[in-house]
Amino acid sequence: MRWISRAIFLASTLLLPLPAYAQAPKAPIKIGLLMPYTGFAAAVAQDATKGVELALAKIGYRAGGRELKLIKEDKEFKPDVGLTKTRKLVERDRVDVLIGPVNSAVALAIRDYVHAQAIPLVVPIAFTRDLTAPGKASPWIFRVAETSDQGNYPMAAWIYKKTPHRKLVMMAADFVAGRHSAEAFMAGFKEAGGQIVKEIYAPLNTPDFAPYLAQVGGLGADAIYAWFAGADSIRFVKAYREYGLADKLPLLAYNTLVDDIFLPTLGDAALGIVSVGHYSATLDSPENRAFVREFEAKYGSWPTRYAEHTYTSAQLVSAAIDILKGEVGDRAKFRDAIRSAVTKIQPPRGPIQFDRYQQVITPLYVMRVERQGTR
């Protein structure tokens, strides 16, 4: 009896701690968010962050049975800073996945590092064609934004087919995204049979567009096609109206020029502008109506294209974590789960897919700015 009693006692001392170990919570899954919170595109970054936070808040910052932790870094719209902050997120913060950036030049600057580190990166906004081109695409990089070609190139054919415009002036921001967008549009317009009578490029953060708009006169153009973003969009559209061109030459554009976030500031200056893009808060679908309603309830404003981009990015990441039941330690499996998760989410813009280079295939819409009601 003494031997049996001791055996039972030993078994108890060995078994009692096990439930405590089994119930110990796992560390949060870390999501690194790389955005330009200061400088040229700060407003874009703030709106994009709202999209991520709304998506994560809807699921209680949990996926796959694990807590999710969002770690933000300011890349300041600078390639060198973007690379430094990416290194910090990966090497010091030990994030499991990255979302960002906004700037195409930053995306290209961090591409090789992300590829070498074999860490999944979901690119929500930066849209240079090079990032997912055949020679540059990485199996670790997914992009939910259309490329500079996907929107601008078909818009050229639409303009030629649907409008009387045959001679256009091309105006764009003088950096990677602006140049690539201009190239894509001009290639499409010339192929359709149109003519580009002049190309005009303005530096980022141009304080005064008057010298550039002055070059438009006397060219015999039918209209202007423009690509500007951030604060430049507001200054350009207002200057276009103030310079008297709005009543003479129709303004056509990529949607960054008149994104929803700018319309309250632009007011009447934006009326009549026709643009192409993947998203507007006015899209009439159950998914988008719900998204707009939830976004407005939380932030007091309608979502922009940037918020939709990052909302969809967060949807994609959380769905992948659910697929893996929270086991994201194997990065290759996490990457593959992100690829397969694209069919399990319902983006506000409509269904999306990835091509073989993990570039999104997305709906595109042609939009015209009009005044409706009192909004």
Protein backbone atom coordinates (compact mmCIF):
# COMPACT_ATOMS: atom_id res chain seq x y z
CA MET A 1 0.00 0.00 0.00
CA ARG A 2 2.85 2.39 0.80
CA TRP A 3 4.33 1.80 -2.70
CA ILE A 4 0.98 2.35 -4.43
CA SER A 5 0.33 5.59 -2.49
CA ARG A 6 3.73 7.00 -3.46
CA ALA A 7 3.21 6.10 -7.11
CA ILE A 8 -0.07 7.99 -7.16
CA PHE A 9 1.55 11.00 -5.49
CA LEU A 10 4.37 11.14 -8.05
CA ALA A 11 1.98 10.90 -10.93
CA SER A 12 0.00 13.79 -9.51
CA THR A 13 3.04 16.02 -9.16
CA LEU A 14 4.00 15.33 -12.77
CA LEU A 15 0.56 15.84 -14.25
CA LEU A 16 -0.65 18.92 -12.40
CA PRO A 17 1.49 21.51 -14.26
CA LEU A 18 0.54 20.23 -17.71
CA PRO A 19 -2.84 21.98 -18.02
CA ALA A 20 -1.17 25.31 -17.18
CA TYR A 21 1.34 24.88 -20.02
CA ALA A 22 -1.33 23.73 -22.46
CA GLN A 23 -3.45 26.82 -21.77
CA ALA A 24 -0.65 29.37 -22.03
CA PRO A 25 -1.66 31.93 -24.70
CA LYS A 26 0.47 32.20 -27.81
CA ALA A 27 2.22 35.45 -28.62
CA PRO A 28 0.31 37.85 -30.88
CA ILE A 29 0.76 37.61 -34.63
CA LYS A 30 2.48 40.84 -35.64
CA ILE A 31 1.47 42.82 -38.72
CA GLY A 32 3.88 45.56 -39.80
CA LEU A 33 2.27 48.60 -41.45
CA LEU A 34 4.59 50.81 -43.51
CA MET A 35 3.03 54.21 -44.28
CA PRO A 36 4.23 57.81 -44.93
CA TYR A 37 2.74 59.51 -41.85
CA THR A 38 4.76 62.70 -42.39
CA GLY A 39 5.33 64.69 -45.54
CA PHE A 40 3.72 64.73 -48.97
CA ALA A 41 1.29 61.83 -48.55
CA ALA A 42 0.44 62.03 -44.84
CA ALA A 43 -3.31 62.34 -45.52
CA VAL A 44 -3.18 59.22 -47.68
CA ALA A 45 -1.36 57.33 -44.92
CA GLN A 46 -3.88 58.31 -42.28
CA ASP A 47 -6.79 57.19 -44.44
CA ALA A 48 -5.04 53.96 -45.41
CA THR A 49 -4.40 53.20 -41.74
CA LYS A 50 -8.09 53.61 -41.00
CA GLY A 51 -8.86 50.91 -43.56
CA VAL A 52 -6.53 48.40 -41.88
CA GLU A 53 -7.78 49.25 -38.41
CA LEU A 54 -11.44 48.95 -39.40
CA ALA A 55 -10.88 45.49 -40.89
CA LEU A 56 -8.99 44.28 -37.82
CA ALA A 57 -11.46 45.86 -35.37
CA LYS A 58 -14.33 44.01 -37.08
CA ILE A 59 -12.72 40.70 -36.12
CA GLY A 60 -11.68 41.90 -32.66
CA TYR A 61 -8.00 41.92 -33.63
CA ARG A 62 -8.09 38.12 -33.69
CA ALA A 63 -7.69 35.54 -36.45
CA GLY A 64 -6.98 31.84 -36.40
CA GLY A 65 -7.49 31.87 -32.63
CA ARG A 66 -4.61 34.31 -32.16
CA GLU A 67 -4.37 37.95 -31.15
CA LEU A 68 -3.26 40.34 -33.90
CA LYS A 69 -0.92 43.23 -33.17
CA LEU A 70 -0.47 46.12 -35.61
CA ILE A 71 2.94 47.84 -35.58
CA LYS A 72 3.15 51.10 -37.56
CA GLU A 73 6.24 52.72 -39.04
CA ASP A 74 6.61 56.05 -40.82
CA LYS A 75 8.54 55.70 -44.08
CA GLU A 76 8.25 59.46 -44.82
CA PHE A 77 7.75 58.83 -48.59
CA LYS A 78 11.51 58.26 -48.88
CA PRO A 79 13.09 55.06 -50.31
CA ASP A 80 16.07 55.02 -47.92
CA VAL A 81 13.86 55.61 -44.88
CA GLY A 82 11.42 52.99 -46.12
CA LEU A 83 14.16 50.38 -46.30
CA THR A 84 15.44 51.27 -42.84
CA LYS A 85 11.96 51.03 -41.32
CA THR A 86 11.28 47.74 -43.11
CA ARG A 87 14.47 46.30 -41.62
CA LYS A 88 13.37 47.49 -38.21
CA LEU A 89 9.96 45.84 -38.51
CA VAL A 90 11.45 42.53 -39.67
CA GLU A 91 14.62 42.29 -37.58
CA ARG A 92 13.72 44.05 -34.35
CA ASP A 93 9.94 43.85 -34.13
CA ARG A 94 9.85 40.36 -35.66
CA VAL A 95 6.66 40.97 -37.63
CA ASP A 96 5.07 37.98 -39.35
CA VAL A 97 3.76 39.88 -42.37
CA LEU A 98 4.05 43.37 -43.86
CA ILE A 99 1.46 45.70 -45.39
CA GLY A 100 2.67 48.71 -47.40
CA PRO A 101 3.94 50.97 -48.84
CA VAL A 102 2.26 53.91 -50.63
CA ASN A 103 5.17 55.16 -52.74
CA SER A 104 6.29 53.15 -55.78
CA ALA A 105 9.91 54.19 -55.28
CA VAL A 106 9.79 52.85 -51.71
CA ALA A 107 8.22 49.61 -52.91
CA LEU A 108 11.07 49.09 -55.35
CA ALA A 109 13.63 50.02 -52.68
CA ILE A 110 12.42 47.35 -50.25
CA ARG A 111 11.69 44.66 -52.84
CA ASP A 112 15.06 42.88 -52.74
CA TYR A 113 15.20 42.94 -48.93
CA VAL A 114 11.71 41.48 -48.57
CA HIS A 115 12.52 38.80 -51.12
CA ALA A 116 15.79 37.86 -49.40
CA GLN A 117 14.13 37.75 -45.98
CA ALA A 118 11.32 35.56 -47.34
CA ILE A 119 8.61 37.48 -45.52
CA PRO A 120 5.13 38.04 -47.01
CA LEU A 121 4.44 41.59 -48.16
CA VAL A 122 0.98 42.80 -49.23
CA VAL A 123 1.28 46.02 -51.25
CA PRO A 124 -1.95 48.03 -51.00
CA ILE A 125 -1.20 51.23 -52.91
CA ALA A 126 2.22 51.51 -54.63
CA PHE A 127 1.44 50.63 -58.23
CA THR A 128 4.55 50.82 -60.40
CA ARG A 129 4.39 48.11 -63.04
CA ASP A 130 7.95 47.02 -62.25
CA LEU A 131 7.11 45.48 -58.88
CA THR A 132 5.10 42.62 -60.36
CA ALA A 133 6.66 42.56 -63.84
CA PRO A 134 8.01 39.17 -65.00
CA GLY A 135 11.64 40.06 -64.28
CA LYS A 136 10.98 41.67 -60.90
CA ALA A 137 8.06 39.77 -59.38
CA SER A 138 8.72 37.98 -56.10
CA PRO A 139 6.72 35.03 -54.72
CA TRP A 140 6.70 36.90 -51.39
CA ILE A 141 5.00 40.04 -52.72
CA PHE A 142 1.25 40.36 -53.32
CA ARG A 143 -0.33 43.52 -54.68
CA VAL A 144 -4.00 44.43 -54.27
CA ALA A 145 -3.67 47.73 -56.18
CA GLU A 146 -3.89 47.80 -59.96
CA THR A 147 -0.62 48.60 -61.73
CA SER A 148 0.05 51.86 -63.52
CA ASP A 149 -0.78 50.00 -66.75
CA GLN A 150 -4.03 48.31 -65.66
CA GLY A 151 -5.96 51.54 -65.18
CA ASN A 152 -4.31 54.05 -67.50
CA TYR A 153 -3.83 51.92 -70.62
CA PRO A 154 -7.48 50.84 -71.10
CA MET A 155 -8.68 54.33 -70.14
CA ALA A 156 -6.95 55.64 -73.26
CA ALA A 157 -8.96 53.34 -75.52
CA TRP A 158 -12.17 54.25 -73.64
CA ILE A 159 -11.54 57.97 -74.20
CA TYR A 160 -10.88 57.45 -77.90
CA LYS A 161 -14.01 55.32 -78.30
CA LYS A 162 -16.43 57.18 -76.03
CA THR A 163 -15.43 60.85 -76.50
CA PRO A 164 -14.57 63.10 -79.46
CA HIS A 165 -11.08 63.84 -78.07
CA ARG A 166 -8.24 62.99 -80.46
CA LYS A 167 -5.44 65.35 -79.39
CA LEU A 168 -4.40 65.37 -75.74
CA VAL A 169 -1.83 66.97 -73.48
CA MET A 170 -0.30 64.57 -70.95
CA MET A 171 0.46 66.08 -67.52
CA ALA A 172 1.88 64.04 -64.66
CA ALA A 173 3.96 64.05 -61.49
CA ASP A 174 7.65 63.57 -62.23
CA PHE A 175 8.39 60.37 -60.31
CA VAL A 176 8.04 56.63 -60.86
CA ALA A 177 4.26 56.28 -60.54
CA GLY A 178 3.52 59.42 -62.55
CA ARG A 179 5.95 58.57 -65.35
CA HIS A 180 4.77 54.97 -65.64
CA SER A 181 1.13 56.04 -65.66
CA ALA A 182 1.84 58.57 -68.39
CA GLU A 183 3.70 55.98 -70.47
CA ALA A 184 0.85 53.50 -70.18
CA PHE A 185 -1.83 56.02 -71.09
CA MET A 186 0.11 57.46 -74.04
CA ALA A 187 0.82 53.98 -75.43
CA GLY A 188 -2.87 53.12 -75.27
CA PHE A 189 -4.01 56.42 -76.79
CA LYS A 190 -1.57 56.27 -79.68
CA GLU A 191 -2.51 52.66 -80.36
CA ALA A 192 -6.17 53.65 -80.48
CA GLY A 193 -5.35 56.32 -83.08
CA GLY A 194 -5.00 59.41 -80.91
CA GLN A 195 -2.21 61.98 -80.66
CA ILE A 196 -0.30 63.31 -77.66
CA VAL A 197 0.60 66.90 -78.58
CA LYS A 198 2.76 67.57 -75.50
CA GLU A 199 4.05 65.93 -72.32
CA ILE A 200 4.42 68.09 -69.20
CA TYR A 201 5.89 66.78 -65.93
CA ALA A 202 5.89 68.64 -62.62
CA PRO A 203 8.00 67.71 -59.56
CA LEU A 204 6.39 66.16 -56.51
CA ASN A 205 5.03 68.71 -54.07
CA THR A 206 4.83 71.46 -56.68
CA PRO A 207 3.67 74.64 -54.88
CA ASP A 208 2.47 76.46 -58.01
CA PHE A 209 1.21 74.78 -61.18
CA ALA A 210 0.78 78.02 -63.14
CA PRO A 211 4.12 77.68 -65.05
CA TYR A 212 3.14 74.18 -66.17
CA LEU A 213 -0.43 75.09 -67.10
CA ALA A 214 0.89 78.05 -69.09
CA GLN A 215 2.49 75.58 -71.50
CA VAL A 216 -0.89 74.19 -72.55
CA GLY A 217 -2.07 77.20 -74.57
CA GLY A 218 -1.79 77.23 -78.35
CA LEU A 219 -1.24 73.47 -78.71
CA GLY A 220 -4.59 72.72 -80.34
CA ALA A 221 -5.41 70.02 -77.81
CA ASP A 222 -8.93 68.69 -77.27
CA ALA A 223 -8.42 67.79 -73.60
CA ILE A 224 -5.84 67.06 -70.91
CA TYR A 225 -5.12 63.73 -69.25
CA ALA A 226 -3.50 64.10 -65.81
CA TRP A 227 -1.90 61.94 -63.15
CA PHE A 228 -1.23 63.58 -59.79
CA ALA A 229 -1.67 62.33 -56.24
CA GLY A 230 -1.72 63.55 -52.64
CA ALA A 231 -1.55 67.27 -51.98
CA ASP A 232 -0.49 67.85 -55.60
CA SER A 233 -3.95 66.73 -56.73
CA ILE A 234 -5.65 69.49 -54.76
CA ARG A 235 -3.26 72.19 -55.95
CA PHE A 236 -3.43 71.03 -59.57
CA VAL A 237 -7.23 70.85 -59.82
CA LYS A 238 -7.70 74.22 -58.11
CA ALA A 239 -5.06 75.83 -60.32
CA TYR A 240 -6.69 74.30 -63.41
CA ARG A 241 -9.95 76.03 -62.51
CA GLU A 242 -8.31 79.31 -61.48
CA TYR A 243 -6.22 79.42 -64.66
CA GLY A 244 -9.42 79.27 -66.71
CA LEU A 245 -8.73 75.94 -68.38
CA ALA A 246 -11.71 74.09 -66.93
CA ASP A 247 -14.08 75.93 -69.28
CA LYS A 248 -11.87 75.35 -72.32
CA LEU A 249 -10.33 71.88 -72.06
CA PRO A 250 -12.02 68.86 -70.43
CA LEU A 251 -9.89 67.29 -67.72
CA LEU A 252 -9.52 63.51 -67.78
CA ALA A 253 -7.49 61.65 -65.20
CA TYR A 254 -6.51 58.67 -63.16
CA ASN A 255 -8.63 58.60 -60.01
CA THR A 256 -5.88 59.74 -57.63
CA LEU A 257 -6.60 63.23 -58.95
CA VAL A 258 -10.16 63.36 -57.61
CA ASP A 259 -10.23 60.69 -54.97
CA ASP A 260 -13.20 60.88 -52.59
CA ILE A 261 -11.02 62.24 -49.78
CA PHE A 262 -10.28 65.38 -51.82
CA LEU A 263 -13.76 66.21 -53.06
CA PRO A 264 -14.91 68.24 -50.02
CA THR A 265 -11.79 70.42 -50.38
CA LEU A 266 -11.96 70.68 -54.16
CA GLY A 267 -15.64 71.59 -54.28
CA ASP A 268 -16.84 72.93 -57.63
CA ALA A 269 -13.31 72.80 -59.07
CA ALA A 270 -13.66 69.03 -59.44
CA LEU A 271 -17.03 69.04 -61.22
CA GLY A 272 -17.02 67.35 -64.60
CA ILE A 273 -13.67 65.61 -64.23
CA VAL A 274 -13.77 62.07 -65.66
CA SER A 275 -11.41 59.53 -64.13
CA VAL A 276 -10.64 55.82 -64.01
CA GLY A 277 -9.97 53.75 -60.90
CA HIS A 278 -10.85 50.65 -58.96
CA TYR A 279 -13.01 52.21 -56.27
CA SER A 280 -15.42 54.92 -55.20
CA ALA A 281 -17.51 55.06 -52.04
CA THR A 282 -20.54 55.49 -54.32
CA LEU A 283 -20.29 51.94 -55.73
CA ASP A 284 -23.68 50.33 -55.27
CA SER A 285 -23.11 46.80 -53.98
CA PRO A 286 -23.99 45.08 -50.68
CA GLU A 287 -20.32 44.74 -49.73
CA ASN A 288 -19.51 48.37 -50.43
CA ARG A 289 -22.64 49.76 -48.80
CA ALA A 290 -21.74 47.86 -45.62
CA PHE A 291 -18.13 49.04 -45.81
CA VAL A 292 -19.14 52.69 -46.26
CA ARG A 293 -21.68 52.47 -43.45
CA GLU A 294 -19.15 50.95 -41.00
CA PHE A 295 -16.36 53.32 -42.02
CA GLU A 296 -18.56 56.40 -41.67
CA ALA A 297 -19.86 55.23 -38.29
CA LYS A 298 -16.32 54.81 -36.98
CA TYR A 299 -14.56 57.79 -38.57
CA GLY A 300 -17.28 60.25 -39.54
CA SER A 301 -16.37 60.31 -43.23
CA TRP A 302 -16.64 58.17 -46.33
CA PRO A 303 -13.77 55.80 -47.17
CA THR A 304 -11.39 56.56 -50.02
CA ARG A 305 -9.64 54.28 -52.48
CA TYR A 306 -6.70 54.13 -50.08
CA ALA A 307 -8.86 52.93 -47.21
CA GLU A 308 -10.40 50.27 -49.46
CA HIS A 309 -6.94 49.10 -50.56
CA THR A 310 -5.75 48.56 -47.01
CA TYR A 311 -9.09 47.18 -45.79
CA THR A 312 -8.81 44.53 -48.51
CA SER A 313 -5.16 43.91 -47.57
CA ALA A 314 -6.12 43.28 -43.95
CA GLN A 315 -8.98 41.04 -45.06
CA LEU A 316 -6.49 39.00 -47.08
CA VAL A 317 -3.99 38.66 -44.25
CA SER A 318 -6.59 37.71 -41.63
CA ALA A 319 -8.22 35.18 -43.95
CA ALA A 320 -4.81 33.56 -44.52
CA ILE A 321 -4.25 33.35 -40.76
CA ASP A 322 -7.65 31.70 -40.39
CA ILE A 323 -6.72 29.15 -43.05
CA LEU A 324 -3.59 28.27 -41.05
CA LYS A 325 -5.49 28.28 -37.74
CA GLY A 326 -3.00 30.80 -36.42
CA GLU A 327 0.11 28.73 -37.20
CA VAL A 328 2.12 31.28 -39.20
CA GLY A 329 5.62 30.22 -38.17
CA ASP A 330 6.27 28.58 -41.53
CA ARG A 331 6.51 31.62 -43.80
CA ALA A 332 6.19 29.60 -47.00
CA LYS A 333 2.88 28.18 -45.78
CA PHE A 334 1.77 31.69 -44.77
CA ARG A 335 2.63 32.96 -48.24
CA ASP A 336 0.66 30.15 -49.88
CA ALA A 337 -2.29 30.80 -47.58
CA ILE A 338 -2.36 34.47 -48.63
CA ARG A 339 -2.49 33.37 -52.26
CA SER A 340 -5.42 31.03 -51.65
CA ALA A 341 -7.25 33.46 -49.32
CA VAL A 342 -8.02 35.83 -52.19
CA THR A 343 -11.07 33.70 -53.11
CA LYS A 344 -12.40 33.78 -49.54
CA ILE A 345 -12.70 37.55 -49.05
CA GLN A 346 -15.30 40.05 -50.25
CA PRO A 347 -13.59 43.37 -51.04
CA PRO A 348 -15.81 46.46 -51.24
CA ARG A 349 -14.69 47.02 -54.86
CA GLY A 350 -15.91 43.56 -55.98
CA PRO A 351 -14.23 40.15 -56.46
CA ILE A 352 -10.49 40.05 -57.12
CA GLN A 353 -7.96 37.45 -58.23
CA PHE A 354 -4.16 37.20 -58.50
CA ASP A 355 -2.33 36.50 -61.74
CA ARG A 356 0.75 34.26 -61.79
CA TYR A 357 2.92 37.19 -60.64
CA GLN A 358 0.58 37.84 -57.66
CA GLN A 359 -0.64 41.04 -59.22
CA VAL A 360 -4.32 41.70 -58.57
CA ILE A 361 -6.90 41.36 -61.32
CA THR A 362 -9.53 43.86 -60.24
CA PRO A 363 -12.69 45.60 -61.47
CA LEU A 364 -12.12 49.10 -62.88
CA TYR A 365 -14.67 51.90 -63.13
CA VAL A 366 -14.91 55.10 -65.16
CA MET A 367 -16.29 57.90 -62.94
CA ARG A 368 -17.46 61.47 -63.38
CA VAL A 369 -17.58 64.04 -60.58
CA GLU A 370 -21.09 65.44 -60.23
CA ARG A 371 -22.97 67.25 -57.50
CA GLN A 372 -25.80 65.21 -56.03
CA GLY A 373 -27.86 66.29 -53.05
CA THR A 374 -26.04 68.31 -50.40
CA ARG A 375 -22.93 66.12 -49.88
